[in-house]
Amino acid sequence: MLSSALFSCNSSTEGPCGYTDPIFVKMEITSIEPADEEGIYNVWLQFNKSILAQEEQELGELRDVKVTSSYLEKNHLQEGITLTGKVSELTEGDCEPYVLSWNHGFSE
């Protein structure tokens, strides 16, 4: 069952965009590795559902943050743990392909 949620977006298309009802997702941290930038880490997540499950996703990119060792410690992030959240996928319009919300209370 699909329903539309209306969101405005910064795009060339006028009018609202439609999204599916949010679906509950689990995201397992599959690996944590040093990034090209010194002191920064890539935290790779495997989603169990949604368009984000097609390939591993990088936490820093999803959250638009630089993941440092301090960030890992503050947020108790380590390989093998599972985070949860909800994903709504774009059904109409020219907006972001998904909206992701996290159940994990991240500290910067």
C-alpha atoms as a PDB file:
ATOM      1  CA  MET A   1       0.000   0.000   0.000  1.00  0.00           C
ATOM      2  CA  LEU A   2       1.445   3.324  -1.064  1.00  0.00           C
ATOM      3  CA  SER A   3       0.432   6.721   0.067  1.00  0.00           C
ATOM      4  CA  SER A   4       1.927  10.066  -0.748  1.00  0.00           C
ATOM      5  CA  ALA A   5       3.634  12.363   1.669  1.00  0.00           C
ATOM      6  CA  LEU A   6       4.101  15.866   0.361  1.00  0.00           C
ATOM      7  CA  PHE A   7       7.476  17.547   0.594  1.00  0.00           C
ATOM      8  CA  SER A   8       8.813  20.647  -1.044  1.00  0.00           C
ATOM      9  CA  CYS A   9      12.214  20.411  -2.593  1.00  0.00           C
ATOM     10  CA  ASN A  10      14.844  22.459  -4.330  1.00  0.00           C
ATOM     11  CA  SER A  11      14.426  21.250  -7.885  1.00  0.00           C
ATOM     12  CA  SER A  12      13.464  22.474 -11.304  1.00  0.00           C
ATOM     13  CA  THR A  13      10.050  20.817 -11.044  1.00  0.00           C
ATOM     14  CA  GLU A  14       7.258  22.896  -9.593  1.00  0.00           C
ATOM     15  CA  GLY A  15       4.926  21.391  -7.067  1.00  0.00           C
ATOM     16  CA  PRO A  16       5.220  18.800  -4.325  1.00  0.00           C
ATOM     17  CA  CYS A  17       6.864  15.403  -4.473  1.00  0.00           C
ATOM     18  CA  GLY A  18       5.302  12.147  -3.319  1.00  0.00           C
ATOM     19  CA  TYR A  19       6.914   9.532  -1.105  1.00  0.00           C
ATOM     20  CA  THR A  20       5.905   6.068   0.111  1.00  0.00           C
ATOM     21  CA  ASP A  21       4.864   5.497   3.686  1.00  0.00           C
ATOM     22  CA  PRO A  22       8.011   5.085   5.821  1.00  0.00           C
ATOM     23  CA  ILE A  23       9.333   1.532   6.042  1.00  0.00           C
ATOM     24  CA  PHE A  24      11.307   0.294   9.050  1.00  0.00           C
ATOM     25  CA  VAL A  25      14.905  -0.574   8.111  1.00  0.00           C
ATOM     26  CA  LYS A  26      17.877  -2.149   9.834  1.00  0.00           C
ATOM     27  CA  MET A  27      21.410  -1.033   8.958  1.00  0.00           C
ATOM     28  CA  GLU A  28      24.297  -3.269   9.988  1.00  0.00           C
ATOM     29  CA  ILE A  29      27.748  -1.721  10.274  1.00  0.00           C
ATOM     30  CA  THR A  30      29.756  -4.060   8.045  1.00  0.00           C
ATOM     31  CA  SER A  31      33.119  -2.302   8.259  1.00  0.00           C
ATOM     32  CA  ILE A  32      34.915   0.750   9.599  1.00  0.00           C
ATOM     33  CA  GLU A  33      38.042   1.755   7.721  1.00  0.00           C
ATOM     34  CA  PRO A  34      40.318   4.792   7.427  1.00  0.00           C
ATOM     35  CA  ALA A  35      39.234   7.227   4.703  1.00  0.00           C
ATOM     36  CA  ASP A  36      41.586   9.032   2.328  1.00  0.00           C
ATOM     37  CA  GLU A  37      41.450  12.103   4.585  1.00  0.00           C
ATOM     38  CA  GLU A  38      43.645  11.734   7.683  1.00  0.00           C
ATOM     39  CA  GLY A  39      41.720  11.123  10.917  1.00  0.00           C
ATOM     40  CA  ILE A  40      38.451  10.383   9.090  1.00  0.00           C
ATOM     41  CA  TYR A  41      36.757   6.978   8.835  1.00  0.00           C
ATOM     42  CA  ASN A  42      34.358   5.370   6.380  1.00  0.00           C
ATOM     43  CA  VAL A  43      31.584   3.508   8.189  1.00  0.00           C
ATOM     44  CA  TRP A  44      29.869   1.115   5.773  1.00  0.00           C
ATOM     45  CA  LEU A  45      26.239   0.142   6.337  1.00  0.00           C
ATOM     46  CA  GLN A  46      24.207  -2.661   4.771  1.00  0.00           C
ATOM     47  CA  PHE A  47      20.472  -1.895   4.758  1.00  0.00           C
ATOM     48  CA  ASN A  48      18.046  -4.816   4.909  1.00  0.00           C
ATOM     49  CA  LYS A  49      15.308  -3.092   2.827  1.00  0.00           C
ATOM     50  CA  SER A  50      14.607  -0.116   0.553  1.00  0.00           C
ATOM     51  CA  ILE A  51      16.503   1.290  -2.409  1.00  0.00           C
ATOM     52  CA  LEU A  52      19.410   1.812  -0.003  1.00  0.00           C
ATOM     53  CA  ALA A  53      19.819  -1.988   0.275  1.00  0.00           C
ATOM     54  CA  GLN A  54      21.053  -2.259  -3.327  1.00  0.00           C
ATOM     55  CA  GLU A  55      24.624  -1.517  -2.216  1.00  0.00           C
ATOM     56  CA  GLU A  56      26.473  -0.639   0.969  1.00  0.00           C
ATOM     57  CA  GLN A  57      26.054   2.971   2.095  1.00  0.00           C
ATOM     58  CA  GLU A  58      28.592   5.177   3.866  1.00  0.00           C
ATOM     59  CA  LEU A  59      27.388   6.724   7.138  1.00  0.00           C
ATOM     60  CA  GLY A  60      29.309   9.993   6.757  1.00  0.00           C
ATOM     61  CA  GLU A  61      27.756  10.602   3.341  1.00  0.00           C
ATOM     62  CA  LEU A  62      24.249   9.731   4.536  1.00  0.00           C
ATOM     63  CA  ARG A  63      24.519  12.049   7.547  1.00  0.00           C
ATOM     64  CA  ASP A  64      26.757  14.668   5.908  1.00  0.00           C
ATOM     65  CA  VAL A  65      29.360  14.410   8.694  1.00  0.00           C
ATOM     66  CA  LYS A  66      33.049  13.616   8.972  1.00  0.00           C
ATOM     67  CA  VAL A  67      33.374  10.484  11.077  1.00  0.00           C
ATOM     68  CA  THR A  68      36.342  10.802  13.443  1.00  0.00           C
ATOM     69  CA  SER A  69      37.486   8.434  16.195  1.00  0.00           C
ATOM     70  CA  SER A  70      35.740  10.765  18.662  1.00  0.00           C
ATOM     71  CA  TYR A  71      32.488  10.494  16.662  1.00  0.00           C
ATOM     72  CA  LEU A  72      32.791   6.687  16.689  1.00  0.00           C
ATOM     73  CA  GLU A  73      33.291   6.654  20.475  1.00  0.00           C
ATOM     74  CA  LYS A  74      30.530   9.172  21.300  1.00  0.00           C
ATOM     75  CA  ASN A  75      28.023   7.226  19.225  1.00  0.00           C
ATOM     76  CA  HIS A  76      29.163   3.731  20.267  1.00  0.00           C
ATOM     77  CA  LEU A  77      29.718   2.707  16.649  1.00  0.00           C
ATOM     78  CA  GLN A  78      31.554  -0.520  15.886  1.00  0.00           C
ATOM     79  CA  GLU A  79      31.472  -3.286  13.309  1.00  0.00           C
ATOM     80  CA  GLY A  80      28.594  -5.718  13.698  1.00  0.00           C
ATOM     81  CA  ILE A  81      26.111  -3.452  15.474  1.00  0.00           C
ATOM     82  CA  THR A  82      22.744  -2.725  13.895  1.00  0.00           C
ATOM     83  CA  LEU A  83      21.186   0.719  13.659  1.00  0.00           C
ATOM     84  CA  THR A  84      17.512   1.247  12.827  1.00  0.00           C
ATOM     85  CA  GLY A  85      15.451   3.889  11.122  1.00  0.00           C
ATOM     86  CA  LYS A  86      12.807   4.546   8.497  1.00  0.00           C
ATOM     87  CA  VAL A  87      13.015   5.203   4.761  1.00  0.00           C
ATOM     88  CA  SER A  88      10.420   6.784   2.485  1.00  0.00           C
ATOM     89  CA  GLU A  89      11.064   6.421  -1.247  1.00  0.00           C
ATOM     90  CA  LEU A  90      10.213   8.950  -3.951  1.00  0.00           C
ATOM     91  CA  THR A  91       7.114   8.034  -5.977  1.00  0.00           C
ATOM     92  CA  GLU A  92       6.571  11.248  -7.936  1.00  0.00           C
ATOM     93  CA  GLY A  93       8.299  14.529  -8.626  1.00  0.00           C
ATOM     94  CA  ASP A  94      11.920  15.553  -8.958  1.00  0.00           C
ATOM     95  CA  CYS A  95      13.221  15.507  -5.375  1.00  0.00           C
ATOM     96  CA  GLU A  96      15.651  13.464  -3.325  1.00  0.00           C
ATOM     97  CA  PRO A  97      15.137   9.749  -4.099  1.00  0.00           C
ATOM     98  CA  TYR A  98      14.549   8.916  -0.424  1.00  0.00           C
ATOM     99  CA  VAL A  99      14.030  10.416   3.016  1.00  0.00           C
ATOM    100  CA  LEU A 100      15.936   8.643   5.811  1.00  0.00           C
ATOM    101  CA  SER A 101      15.262   9.095   9.518  1.00  0.00           C
ATOM    102  CA  TRP A 102      17.386   7.494  12.230  1.00  0.00           C
ATOM    103  CA  ASN A 103      16.308   5.911  15.510  1.00  0.00           C
ATOM    104  CA  HIS A 104      19.865   6.353  16.819  1.00  0.00           C
ATOM    105  CA  GLY A 105      20.461   9.639  18.655  1.00  0.00           C
ATOM    106  CA  PHE A 106      23.744  10.762  17.094  1.00  0.00           C
ATOM    107  CA  SER A 107      26.087  13.169  18.912  1.00  0.00           C
ATOM    108  CA  GLU A 108      28.329  15.399  16.832  1.00  0.00           C
END
